[in-house]
C-alpha atoms as a PDB file:
ATOM      1  CA  MET A   1       3.613  22.193   1.669  1.00  0.00           C
ATOM      2  CA  ARG A   2       2.327  22.922   5.247  1.00  0.00           C
ATOM      3  CA  THR A   3      -0.072  20.392   6.770  1.00  0.00           C
ATOM      4  CA  LYS A   4      -3.093  21.853   7.975  1.00  0.00           C
ATOM      5  CA  PRO A   5      -3.998  22.023  11.448  1.00  0.00           C
ATOM      6  CA  CYS A   6      -7.514  20.147  11.384  1.00  0.00           C
ATOM      7  CA  LEU A   7      -5.813  17.722   8.991  1.00  0.00           C
ATOM      8  CA  THR A   8      -3.403  17.041  11.599  1.00  0.00           C
ATOM      9  CA  LEU A   9      -6.032  16.265  14.275  1.00  0.00           C
ATOM     10  CA  GLY A  10      -7.726  13.810  11.574  1.00  0.00           C
ATOM     11  CA  VAL A  11      -4.664  11.760  11.673  1.00  0.00           C
ATOM     12  CA  LEU A  12      -4.063  11.503  14.970  1.00  0.00           C
ATOM     13  CA  ALA A  13      -7.333  10.809  15.305  1.00  0.00           C
ATOM     14  CA  THR A  14      -7.732   7.651  13.749  1.00  0.00           C
ATOM     15  CA  LEU A  15      -5.587   5.844  16.186  1.00  0.00           C
ATOM     16  CA  GLY A  16      -8.179   5.260  18.366  1.00  0.00           C
ATOM     17  CA  GLY A  17     -12.100   6.264  19.449  1.00  0.00           C
ATOM     18  CA  ILE A  18     -14.470   5.444  21.814  1.00  0.00           C
ATOM     19  CA  ALA A  19     -16.412   2.461  21.144  1.00  0.00           C
ATOM     20  CA  GLY A  20     -18.955   0.444  24.176  1.00  0.00           C
ATOM     21  CA  ALA A  21     -18.756  -2.955  24.868  1.00  0.00           C
ATOM     22  CA  GLU A  22     -21.592  -5.792  24.058  1.00  0.00           C
ATOM     23  CA  PRO A  23     -23.778  -5.828  26.732  1.00  0.00           C
ATOM     24  CA  PRO A  24     -23.003  -7.747  29.570  1.00  0.00           C
ATOM     25  CA  PRO A  25     -24.438 -11.882  30.084  1.00  0.00           C
ATOM     26  CA  GLU A  26     -27.005 -11.794  32.951  1.00  0.00           C
ATOM     27  CA  VAL A  27     -24.596 -13.098  35.644  1.00  0.00           C
ATOM     28  CA  GLN A  28     -24.417 -12.465  39.262  1.00  0.00           C
ATOM     29  CA  PRO A  29     -22.230  -9.964  40.294  1.00  0.00           C
ATOM     30  CA  GLY A  30     -19.524 -10.724  42.163  1.00  0.00           C
ATOM     31  CA  PRO A  31     -17.375  -8.399  44.714  1.00  0.00           C
ATOM     32  CA  PRO A  32     -14.929  -6.342  42.820  1.00  0.00           C
ATOM     33  CA  THR A  33     -11.693  -6.605  42.193  1.00  0.00           C
ATOM     34  CA  PRO A  34      -9.194  -3.770  41.639  1.00  0.00           C
ATOM     35  CA  MET A  35      -7.092  -3.159  39.078  1.00  0.00           C
ATOM     36  CA  THR A  36      -4.183  -0.441  39.292  1.00  0.00           C
ATOM     37  CA  ALA A  37      -2.831   2.052  36.806  1.00  0.00           C
ATOM     38  CA  ASP A  38       1.313   1.768  35.946  1.00  0.00           C
ATOM     39  CA  VAL A  39       3.365   4.437  38.354  1.00  0.00           C
ATOM     40  CA  ALA A  40       4.136   5.373  34.936  1.00  0.00           C
ATOM     41  CA  LEU A  41       7.615   4.083  35.666  1.00  0.00           C
ATOM     42  CA  GLY A  42       8.223   4.770  31.428  1.00  0.00           C
ATOM     43  CA  SER A  43       9.151   7.901  29.424  1.00  0.00           C
ATOM     44  CA  SER A  44       8.191  11.182  30.919  1.00  0.00           C
ATOM     45  CA  ARG A  45      10.237  12.688  27.722  1.00  0.00           C
ATOM     46  CA  SER A  46       9.085  13.696  24.403  1.00  0.00           C
ATOM     47  CA  TYR A  47      10.058  10.592  22.031  1.00  0.00           C
ATOM     48  CA  ARG A  48      11.415  13.380  20.039  1.00  0.00           C
ATOM     49  CA  SER A  49      13.537  14.589  22.591  1.00  0.00           C
ATOM     50  CA  ILE A  50      14.677  11.236  23.266  1.00  0.00           C
ATOM     51  CA  ALA A  51      15.874  10.277  19.333  1.00  0.00           C
ATOM     52  CA  GLU A  52      17.522  13.709  19.917  1.00  0.00           C
ATOM     53  CA  ASN A  53      19.416  12.773  23.124  1.00  0.00           C
ATOM     54  CA  ALA A  54      18.010  15.677  25.038  1.00  0.00           C
ATOM     55  CA  MET A  55      16.620  16.169  28.090  1.00  0.00           C
ATOM     56  CA  THR A  56      13.455  18.763  27.069  1.00  0.00           C
ATOM     57  CA  MET A  57      12.224  20.294  24.312  1.00  0.00           C
ATOM     58  CA  ASP A  58      14.228  23.522  22.875  1.00  0.00           C
ATOM     59  CA  GLU A  59      10.790  25.245  21.162  1.00  0.00           C
ATOM     60  CA  GLY A  60       7.781  24.005  19.943  1.00  0.00           C
ATOM     61  CA  LEU A  61       4.654  22.456  20.642  1.00  0.00           C
ATOM     62  CA  GLU A  62       4.097  18.808  20.126  1.00  0.00           C
ATOM     63  CA  LEU A  63       0.780  16.743  20.214  1.00  0.00           C
ATOM     64  CA  SER A  64       0.473  13.260  20.112  1.00  0.00           C
ATOM     65  CA  SER A  65      -1.889  10.512  20.014  1.00  0.00           C
ATOM     66  CA  GLY A  66      -1.682   7.072  20.987  1.00  0.00           C
ATOM     67  CA  MET A  67      -3.577   3.535  21.647  1.00  0.00           C
ATOM     68  CA  LYS A  68      -2.366   0.928  24.181  1.00  0.00           C
ATOM     69  CA  PHE A  69      -3.143  -2.680  24.213  1.00  0.00           C
ATOM     70  CA  ILE A  70      -3.582  -4.640  27.004  1.00  0.00           C
ATOM     71  CA  THR A  71      -2.805  -8.110  27.743  1.00  0.00           C
ATOM     72  CA  ALA A  72      -2.598 -10.216  30.483  1.00  0.00           C
ATOM     73  CA  ARG A  73      -2.581 -14.212  31.761  1.00  0.00           C
ATOM     74  CA  ASP A  74      -4.654 -14.244  34.702  1.00  0.00           C
ATOM     75  CA  VAL A  75      -7.330 -11.068  35.461  1.00  0.00           C
ATOM     76  CA  PRO A  76      -8.293 -11.312  38.707  1.00  0.00           C
ATOM     77  CA  PHE A  77     -11.503  -8.861  38.243  1.00  0.00           C
ATOM     78  CA  ALA A  78     -12.975 -11.959  35.799  1.00  0.00           C
ATOM     79  CA  SER A  79     -13.565 -15.502  36.199  1.00  0.00           C
ATOM     80  CA  ALA A  80     -11.239 -17.829  37.191  1.00  0.00           C
ATOM     81  CA  GLY A  81      -8.735 -18.472  34.102  1.00  0.00           C
ATOM     82  CA  ARG A  82      -9.716 -16.003  32.306  1.00  0.00           C
ATOM     83  CA  GLU A  83      -7.004 -14.192  29.792  1.00  0.00           C
ATOM     84  CA  LEU A  84      -7.027 -10.423  28.493  1.00  0.00           C
ATOM     85  CA  LEU A  85      -6.251 -11.256  24.958  1.00  0.00           C
ATOM     86  CA  PHE A  86      -4.770  -8.469  22.517  1.00  0.00           C
ATOM     87  CA  SER A  87      -7.071  -5.924  21.149  1.00  0.00           C
ATOM     88  CA  ASP A  88     -10.090  -7.041  24.195  1.00  0.00           C
ATOM     89  CA  VAL A  89      -9.050  -3.718  25.849  1.00  0.00           C
ATOM     90  CA  GLY A  90      -8.099  -0.401  24.138  1.00  0.00           C
ATOM     91  CA  ILE A  91      -6.538   2.589  25.533  1.00  0.00           C
ATOM     92  CA  PHE A  92      -6.664   5.868  23.791  1.00  0.00           C
ATOM     93  CA  GLY A  93      -4.622   8.451  24.962  1.00  0.00           C
ATOM     94  CA  VAL A  94      -4.056  12.041  23.611  1.00  0.00           C
ATOM     95  CA  SER A  95      -1.174  14.761  25.067  1.00  0.00           C
ATOM     96  CA  ALA A  96      -0.131  17.879  24.218  1.00  0.00           C
ATOM     97  CA  ARG A  97       3.630  18.766  25.080  1.00  0.00           C
ATOM     98  CA  SER A  98       4.818  22.678  24.629  1.00  0.00           C
ATOM     99  CA  ALA A  99       8.438  24.168  25.035  1.00  0.00           C
ATOM    100  CA  VAL A 100       7.753  27.943  27.161  1.00  0.00           C
ATOM    101  CA  ASN A 101      11.521  28.756  27.233  1.00  0.00           C
ATOM    102  CA  LYS A 102      14.499  26.308  26.721  1.00  0.00           C
ATOM    103  CA  HIS A 103      14.501  26.103  31.241  1.00  0.00           C
ATOM    104  CA  LEU A 104      10.710  24.956  31.127  1.00  0.00           C
ATOM    105  CA  GLU A 105       8.447  22.658  29.216  1.00  0.00           C
ATOM    106  CA  LEU A 106       4.840  22.007  30.477  1.00  0.00           C
ATOM    107  CA  SER A 107       2.389  18.882  29.104  1.00  0.00           C
ATOM    108  CA  THR A 108      -0.699  17.702  29.023  1.00  0.00           C
ATOM    109  CA  HIS A 109      -2.655  14.446  28.655  1.00  0.00           C
ATOM    110  CA  LEU A 110      -6.055  12.725  28.678  1.00  0.00           C
ATOM    111  CA  ASP A 111      -6.981   8.787  28.553  1.00  0.00           C
ATOM    112  CA  LEU A 112     -10.047   7.654  26.979  1.00  0.00           C
ATOM    113  CA  LEU A 113     -11.103   3.906  27.307  1.00  0.00           C
ATOM    114  CA  ALA A 114     -11.977   2.772  23.551  1.00  0.00           C
ATOM    115  CA  LYS A 115     -12.659  -1.096  24.149  1.00  0.00           C
ATOM    116  CA  GLN A 116     -13.164  -2.943  27.002  1.00  0.00           C
ATOM    117  CA  PRO A 117     -15.214  -6.668  27.200  1.00  0.00           C
ATOM    118  CA  SER A 118     -18.173  -7.368  28.661  1.00  0.00           C
ATOM    119  CA  THR A 119     -16.243  -8.445  32.174  1.00  0.00           C
ATOM    120  CA  ILE A 120     -15.381  -5.333  32.999  1.00  0.00           C
ATOM    121  CA  ASP A 121     -18.333  -3.433  31.343  1.00  0.00           C
ATOM    122  CA  HIS A 122     -19.267  -0.239  32.966  1.00  0.00           C
ATOM    123  CA  GLN A 123     -16.015   1.393  33.214  1.00  0.00           C
ATOM    124  CA  ALA A 124     -15.442   5.640  32.960  1.00  0.00           C
ATOM    125  CA  VAL A 125     -14.886   6.782  29.700  1.00  0.00           C
ATOM    126  CA  ALA A 126     -12.711   9.307  30.875  1.00  0.00           C
ATOM    127  CA  GLN A 127      -9.842   7.019  32.435  1.00  0.00           C
ATOM    128  CA  GLY A 128      -7.684   9.794  33.596  1.00  0.00           C
ATOM    129  CA  GLY A 129      -5.810  12.831  32.813  1.00  0.00           C
ATOM    130  CA  GLY A 130      -3.012  15.251  34.381  1.00  0.00           C
ATOM    131  CA  LEU A 131      -0.655  18.235  34.034  1.00  0.00           C
ATOM    132  CA  GLY A 132       3.437  18.100  34.259  1.00  0.00           C
ATOM    133  CA  LEU A 133       6.605  19.984  33.777  1.00  0.00           C
ATOM    134  CA  ARG A 134      10.198  19.115  33.130  1.00  0.00           C
ATOM    135  CA  THR A 135      13.636  21.778  33.227  1.00  0.00           C
ATOM    136  CA  PRO A 136      16.405  20.930  32.722  1.00  0.00           C
ATOM    137  CA  ILE A 137      19.757  21.479  34.945  1.00  0.00           C
ATOM    138  CA  GLY A 138      22.709  21.913  32.746  1.00  0.00           C
ATOM    139  CA  GLU A 139      22.547  19.174  29.653  1.00  0.00           C
ATOM    140  CA  SER A 140      22.559  16.041  31.794  1.00  0.00           C
ATOM    141  CA  PHE A 141      20.076  16.320  34.384  1.00  0.00           C
ATOM    142  CA  ALA A 142      16.607  17.232  33.899  1.00  0.00           C
ATOM    143  CA  ILE A 143      13.620  17.584  37.499  1.00  0.00           C
ATOM    144  CA  ALA A 144      10.151  16.574  36.375  1.00  0.00           C
ATOM    145  CA  ALA A 145       6.624  16.866  38.041  1.00  0.00           C
ATOM    146  CA  ASP A 146       3.671  15.342  37.124  1.00  0.00           C
ATOM    147  CA  ALA A 147      -0.026  15.363  39.036  1.00  0.00           C
ATOM    148  CA  GLY A 148      -2.637  13.419  37.761  1.00  0.00           C
ATOM    149  CA  ILE A 149      -6.823  12.146  38.330  1.00  0.00           C
ATOM    150  CA  GLY A 150      -8.820   9.765  37.226  1.00  0.00           C
ATOM    151  CA  PRO A 151     -11.998   7.327  38.375  1.00  0.00           C
ATOM    152  CA  LEU A 152     -11.412   4.019  40.320  1.00  0.00           C
ATOM    153  CA  LEU A 153     -13.014   0.812  39.126  1.00  0.00           C
ATOM    154  CA  ASP A 154     -16.999   0.274  38.547  1.00  0.00           C
ATOM    155  CA  GLY A 155     -17.351   3.936  40.009  1.00  0.00           C
ATOM    156  CA  HIS A 156     -15.814   3.591  43.618  1.00  0.00           C
ATOM    157  CA  GLY A 157     -14.508   6.682  43.570  1.00  0.00           C
ATOM    158  CA  VAL A 158     -11.573   8.918  42.504  1.00  0.00           C
ATOM    159  CA  TRP A 159      -7.393   8.471  42.391  1.00  0.00           C
ATOM    160  CA  THR A 160      -5.258  11.129  42.350  1.00  0.00           C
ATOM    161  CA  ARG A 161      -1.364  10.911  41.990  1.00  0.00           C
ATOM    162  CA  GLU A 162       1.323  13.084  42.496  1.00  0.00           C
ATOM    163  CA  SER A 163       4.776  12.198  41.178  1.00  0.00           C
ATOM    164  CA  ALA A 164       8.568  14.131  41.169  1.00  0.00           C
ATOM    165  CA  VAL A 165      11.735  12.503  39.835  1.00  0.00           C
ATOM    166  CA  ILE A 166      15.304  13.745  38.880  1.00  0.00           C
ATOM    167  CA  GLU A 167      17.236  12.463  35.868  1.00  0.00           C
ATOM    168  CA  MET A 168      20.086  11.603  34.949  1.00  0.00           C
ATOM    169  CA  ASN A 169      21.689  11.201  31.133  1.00  0.00           C
ATOM    170  CA  LYS A 170      25.047  10.215  30.383  1.00  0.00           C
ATOM    171  CA  GLU A 171      26.621   9.399  26.909  1.00  0.00           C
ATOM    172  CA  ILE A 172      29.389   6.405  26.942  1.00  0.00           C
ATOM    173  CA  GLY A 173      31.936   6.728  24.465  1.00  0.00           C
ATOM    174  CA  SER A 174      30.135   7.898  21.285  1.00  0.00           C
ATOM    175  CA  GLU A 175      26.933   9.825  20.622  1.00  0.00           C
ATOM    176  CA  PHE A 176      25.555   6.271  19.569  1.00  0.00           C
ATOM    177  CA  LEU A 177      24.511   5.059  23.510  1.00  0.00           C
ATOM    178  CA  SER A 178      23.663   6.831  26.309  1.00  0.00           C
ATOM    179  CA  PHE A 179      22.553   5.259  30.052  1.00  0.00           C
ATOM    180  CA  ASP A 180      19.038   7.392  31.074  1.00  0.00           C
ATOM    181  CA  LEU A 181      19.043   6.755  35.364  1.00  0.00           C
ATOM    182  CA  ARG A 182      15.630   8.213  36.944  1.00  0.00           C
ATOM    183  CA  GLY A 183      15.005   8.502  40.792  1.00  0.00           C
ATOM    184  CA  GLY A 184      11.762   9.752  42.774  1.00  0.00           C
ATOM    185  CA  ALA A 185       8.490   9.241  45.175  1.00  0.00           C
ATOM    186  CA  ASP A 186       5.389   8.839  43.590  1.00  0.00           C
ATOM    187  CA  VAL A 187       1.951   9.149  46.454  1.00  0.00           C
ATOM    188  CA  THR A 188      -1.312   8.234  44.466  1.00  0.00           C
ATOM    189  CA  THR A 189      -4.606   8.212  47.334  1.00  0.00           C
ATOM    190  CA  LEU A 190      -7.633   6.697  46.879  1.00  0.00           C
ATOM    191  CA  ALA A 191     -11.370   8.414  47.849  1.00  0.00           C
ATOM    192  CA  GLY A 192     -14.364   6.807  48.012  1.00  0.00           C
ATOM    193  CA  ASN A 193     -17.643   8.471  47.284  1.00  0.00           C
ATOM    194  CA  GLY A 194     -18.816   8.783  50.480  1.00  0.00           C
ATOM    195  CA  ALA A 195     -17.586   8.928  54.238  1.00  0.00           C
ATOM    196  CA  SER A 196     -18.775   5.190  54.364  1.00  0.00           C
ATOM    197  CA  SER A 197     -16.109   4.231  51.325  1.00  0.00           C
ATOM    198  CA  GLY A 198     -12.820   4.536  53.682  1.00  0.00           C
ATOM    199  CA  SER A 199      -9.734   5.802  51.313  1.00  0.00           C
ATOM    200  CA  GLY A 200      -6.523   5.127  51.783  1.00  0.00           C
ATOM    201  CA  HIS A 201      -3.032   6.304  49.785  1.00  0.00           C
ATOM    202  CA  LEU A 202       0.330   4.807  48.659  1.00  0.00           C
ATOM    203  CA  THR A 203       3.865   6.409  48.559  1.00  0.00           C
ATOM    204  CA  GLU A 204       6.653   4.881  46.353  1.00  0.00           C
ATOM    205  CA  VAL A 205      10.214   5.065  46.007  1.00  0.00           C
ATOM    206  CA  ILE A 206      10.562   4.760  42.470  1.00  0.00           C
ATOM    207  CA  THR A 207      13.864   4.129  40.063  1.00  0.00           C
ATOM    208  CA  GLN A 208      14.833   3.477  36.828  1.00  0.00           C
ATOM    209  CA  ALA A 209      17.423   2.657  34.796  1.00  0.00           C
ATOM    210  CA  ASN A 210      17.288   2.797  30.505  1.00  0.00           C
ATOM    211  CA  ALA A 211      19.981   2.109  27.734  1.00  0.00           C
ATOM    212  CA  MET A 212      19.349   4.303  25.038  1.00  0.00           C
ATOM    213  CA  PHE A 213      20.585   3.768  21.316  1.00  0.00           C
ATOM    214  CA  HIS A 214      20.615   7.029  18.947  1.00  0.00           C
ATOM    215  CA  MET A 215      21.558   6.942  15.077  1.00  0.00           C
ATOM    216  CA  PRO A 216      22.934  10.331  14.331  1.00  0.00           C
ATOM    217  CA  HIS A 217      21.155  13.490  13.006  1.00  0.00           C
ATOM    218  CA  GLY A 218      17.770  12.724  15.581  1.00  0.00           C
ATOM    219  CA  TYR A 219      15.582  10.088  13.500  1.00  0.00           C
ATOM    220  CA  TRP A 220      15.902   6.998  15.560  1.00  0.00           C
ATOM    221  CA  ALA A 221      16.240   5.799  18.953  1.00  0.00           C
ATOM    222  CA  GLY A 222      15.469   2.514  20.918  1.00  0.00           C
ATOM    223  CA  TRP A 223      15.525   2.103  23.929  1.00  0.00           C
ATOM    224  CA  PHE A 224      15.157  -0.941  26.976  1.00  0.00           C
ATOM    225  CA  GLY A 225      15.095  -0.416  31.035  1.00  0.00           C
ATOM    226  CA  ILE A 226      14.173  -1.333  34.232  1.00  0.00           C
ATOM    227  CA  ALA A 227      11.350   0.224  36.796  1.00  0.00           C
ATOM    228  CA  TYR A 228      11.555  -0.769  40.622  1.00  0.00           C
ATOM    229  CA  ALA A 229       9.326   0.853  42.947  1.00  0.00           C
ATOM    230  CA  VAL A 230       9.456   0.270  46.648  1.00  0.00           C
ATOM    231  CA  PRO A 231       6.307   1.274  48.944  1.00  0.00           C
ATOM    232  CA  VAL A 232       7.587   3.216  51.869  1.00  0.00           C
ATOM    233  CA  ALA A 233       4.287   4.491  53.335  1.00  0.00           C
ATOM    234  CA  HIS A 234       0.783   3.497  53.574  1.00  0.00           C
ATOM    235  CA  ALA A 235      -2.573   3.767  55.057  1.00  0.00           C
ATOM    236  CA  GLY A 236      -6.326   3.508  54.562  1.00  0.00           C
ATOM    237  CA  VAL A 237      -8.435   0.966  52.894  1.00  0.00           C
ATOM    238  CA  ASP A 238      -9.311   0.293  48.937  1.00  0.00           C
ATOM    239  CA  PRO A 239     -12.972   1.807  48.545  1.00  0.00           C
ATOM    240  CA  ALA A 240     -13.575  -0.956  46.115  1.00  0.00           C
ATOM    241  CA  THR A 241     -12.869  -3.983  48.419  1.00  0.00           C
ATOM    242  CA  SER A 242     -12.784  -2.258  52.093  1.00  0.00           C
ATOM    243  CA  MET A 243      -9.472  -4.288  52.545  1.00  0.00           C
ATOM    244  CA  ALA A 244      -6.795  -2.658  53.939  1.00  0.00           C
ATOM    245  CA  MET A 245      -4.184  -1.505  51.961  1.00  0.00           C
ATOM    246  CA  SER A 246      -1.161  -3.754  51.483  1.00  0.00           C
ATOM    247  CA  PRO A 247       1.629  -2.994  48.509  1.00  0.00           C
ATOM    248  CA  GLN A 248       4.173  -4.855  47.591  1.00  0.00           C
ATOM    249  CA  PRO A 249       7.601  -4.207  45.572  1.00  0.00           C
ATOM    250  CA  ARG A 250       7.106  -3.534  41.953  1.00  0.00           C
ATOM    251  CA  LEU A 251       9.530  -4.560  39.106  1.00  0.00           C
ATOM    252  CA  ASP A 252       8.534  -3.440  35.354  1.00  0.00           C
ATOM    253  CA  PHE A 253      10.356  -3.866  32.211  1.00  0.00           C
ATOM    254  CA  HIS A 254      10.117  -1.465  29.086  1.00  0.00           C
ATOM    255  CA  LEU A 255      11.190  -1.575  25.728  1.00  0.00           C
ATOM    256  CA  GLY A 256      10.662   0.997  22.773  1.00  0.00           C
ATOM    257  CA  THR A 257      11.652   2.644  19.753  1.00  0.00           C
ATOM    258  CA  VAL A 258      10.779   5.608  17.785  1.00  0.00           C
ATOM    259  CA  VAL A 259      11.610   7.058  14.220  1.00  0.00           C
ATOM    260  CA  ALA A 260      11.390  10.720  12.996  1.00  0.00           C
ATOM    261  CA  LEU A 261       9.818  10.251   9.441  1.00  0.00           C
ATOM    262  CA  VAL A 262       9.571  13.572   8.597  1.00  0.00           C
ATOM    263  CA  PRO A 263      10.314  16.794  10.699  1.00  0.00           C
ATOM    264  CA  GLU A 264       6.748  17.327  11.458  1.00  0.00           C
ATOM    265  CA  TRP A 265       6.356  13.432  12.598  1.00  0.00           C
ATOM    266  CA  ASP A 266       6.959  11.157  15.029  1.00  0.00           C
ATOM    267  CA  VAL A 267       6.053   7.181  14.826  1.00  0.00           C
ATOM    268  CA  TYR A 268       6.691   5.194  18.058  1.00  0.00           C
ATOM    269  CA  ILE A 269       6.155   1.956  19.761  1.00  0.00           C
ATOM    270  CA  ASP A 270       6.611   1.500  23.567  1.00  0.00           C
ATOM    271  CA  VAL A 271       6.248  -2.251  25.256  1.00  0.00           C
ATOM    272  CA  ALA A 272       6.123  -2.498  28.845  1.00  0.00           C
ATOM    273  CA  MET A 273       5.655  -5.715  31.030  1.00  0.00           C
ATOM    274  CA  ILE A 274       3.796  -4.524  34.339  1.00  0.00           C
ATOM    275  CA  ASP A 275       4.604  -5.995  37.482  1.00  0.00           C
ATOM    276  CA  ARG A 276       1.817  -5.339  40.280  1.00  0.00           C
ATOM    277  CA  GLY A 277       0.851  -7.310  43.506  1.00  0.00           C
ATOM    278  CA  ASP A 278      -0.724 -10.598  43.461  1.00  0.00           C
ATOM    279  CA  ALA A 279      -4.213 -11.774  41.748  1.00  0.00           C
ATOM    280  CA  THR A 280      -4.871 -13.748  44.442  1.00  0.00           C
ATOM    281  CA  ARG A 281      -4.283 -10.888  46.958  1.00  0.00           C
ATOM    282  CA  PRO A 282      -6.782  -7.880  46.372  1.00  0.00           C
ATOM    283  CA  GLU A 283      -5.336  -5.908  49.083  1.00  0.00           C
ATOM    284  CA  THR A 284      -1.810  -5.938  47.330  1.00  0.00           C
ATOM    285  CA  GLN A 285      -3.642  -3.898  43.935  1.00  0.00           C
ATOM    286  CA  LEU A 286      -5.390  -0.798  43.851  1.00  0.00           C
ATOM    287  CA  PRO A 287      -8.884   0.410  42.016  1.00  0.00           C
ATOM    288  CA  ILE A 288      -7.547   1.460  38.943  1.00  0.00           C
ATOM    289  CA  LEU A 289      -7.948   0.499  35.847  1.00  0.00           C
ATOM    290  CA  ASP A 290      -4.602   0.555  33.942  1.00  0.00           C
ATOM    291  CA  GLY A 291      -1.897  -1.320  35.089  1.00  0.00           C
ATOM    292  CA  GLY A 292      -2.999  -2.929  38.228  1.00  0.00           C
ATOM    293  CA  PHE A 293      -2.152  -6.203  38.095  1.00  0.00           C
ATOM    294  CA  ASP A 294       0.722  -8.202  36.340  1.00  0.00           C
ATOM    295  CA  GLN A 295       0.171  -7.578  32.730  1.00  0.00           C
ATOM    296  CA  ALA A 296       1.938  -6.841  29.081  1.00  0.00           C
ATOM    297  CA  GLN A 297       0.872  -3.227  27.141  1.00  0.00           C
ATOM    298  CA  VAL A 298       1.855  -2.063  23.763  1.00  0.00           C
ATOM    299  CA  LEU A 299       1.352   1.256  22.851  1.00  0.00           C
ATOM    300  CA  PHE A 300       1.231   2.642  18.823  1.00  0.00           C
ATOM    301  CA  GLY A 301       1.446   6.109  18.685  1.00  0.00           C
ATOM    302  CA  VAL A 302       1.959   9.214  16.434  1.00  0.00           C
ATOM    303  CA  SER A 303       3.221  13.122  16.936  1.00  0.00           C
ATOM    304  CA  ARG A 304       3.235  15.877  15.199  1.00  0.00           C
ATOM    305  CA  HIS A 305       5.272  19.067  16.078  1.00  0.00           C
ATOM    306  CA  TRP A 306       5.136  22.951  15.568  1.00  0.00           C
ATOM    307  CA  ALA A 307       8.629  24.615  15.762  1.00  0.00           C
ATOM    308  CA  SER A 308       9.899  28.265  14.093  1.00  0.00           C
ATOM    309  CA  LYS A 309      13.690  25.268  13.065  1.00  0.00           C
ATOM    310  CA  PRO A 310      13.185  22.200  11.446  1.00  0.00           C
ATOM    311  CA  HIS A 311      14.251  19.439  12.458  1.00  0.00           C
ATOM    312  CA  LEU A 312      16.735  18.552  10.046  1.00  0.00           C
ATOM    313  CA  ASN A 313      18.291  20.608   7.245  1.00  0.00           C
ATOM    314  CA  ASN A 314      18.110  19.343   3.935  1.00  0.00           C
ATOM    315  CA  ASP A 315      21.703  17.581   3.420  1.00  0.00           C
ATOM    316  CA  ASP A 316      20.326  15.452   6.804  1.00  0.00           C
ATOM    317  CA  TYR A 317      17.630  14.098   4.800  1.00  0.00           C
ATOM    318  CA  ALA A 318      20.303  13.201   2.291  1.00  0.00           C
ATOM    319  CA  LEU A 319      21.360  10.808   4.121  1.00  0.00           C
ATOM    320  CA  ARG A 320      18.316   8.823   4.455  1.00  0.00           C
ATOM    321  CA  LEU A 321      17.505   8.189   0.714  1.00  0.00           C
END
């Protein structure tokens, strides 16, 4: 029996909804301290492609929905010593991915602020969106490019980001283990609301290495990896603080797993330890609300697939029982 599209959208939407914060207490506001978005050194591939150890989707359409939880020991935008506990901040993301043909995969995404504590109230509901494309080069390489836009912290303007990455996947010994290596560049631009607000930009060289584990028939995969980013050019000021930008190298850790339960559905968990700047030095951060200070992120998500051919045949599913 085929799942109706309206039921599919309903299941995906249950992962999150938009919820406003409680009214903040009457306190004198302090100077804004910026936060940054993770430069997305995590996976830009479809989770189904990871399970199948493929560089791109061969065909079909994928719709994904997930909730990201953010925790932090030292929150730079709150009072000294305040922690960000699990479920204090939730970002609900939806994305769509389509294989135009075997040589081109297109994607789009939108991030919405589902929950926020009163200490970071007045943030925009729409936290960002973007477009991406991937194209394979043979069986072991792919090129990916992404562009995104979103609001700066506390309405100080907008940010834009463009990235380009080349990726290599190498199987080691058997189909069970492979190494995924990536390298490229990421450019982030900050634009204030007015001419007096100032603007800035940052260019980083990014690298990432992942160890990926796969079970036969493409119904499970797990991975862990380290991402490293080095600023190679920057100029201007942060519109939120009017301070000259002074970025630092970043070192992130990623860990995750995906299970393809049935031909149409995947469930995945992605965990990241994000390193970005120094909480005592606002000039080392950027005023974007997703991943800008040292923090941990946990993403729970589900994907629905539409394809002309099944993910696995009956014999494959018999092996699971």
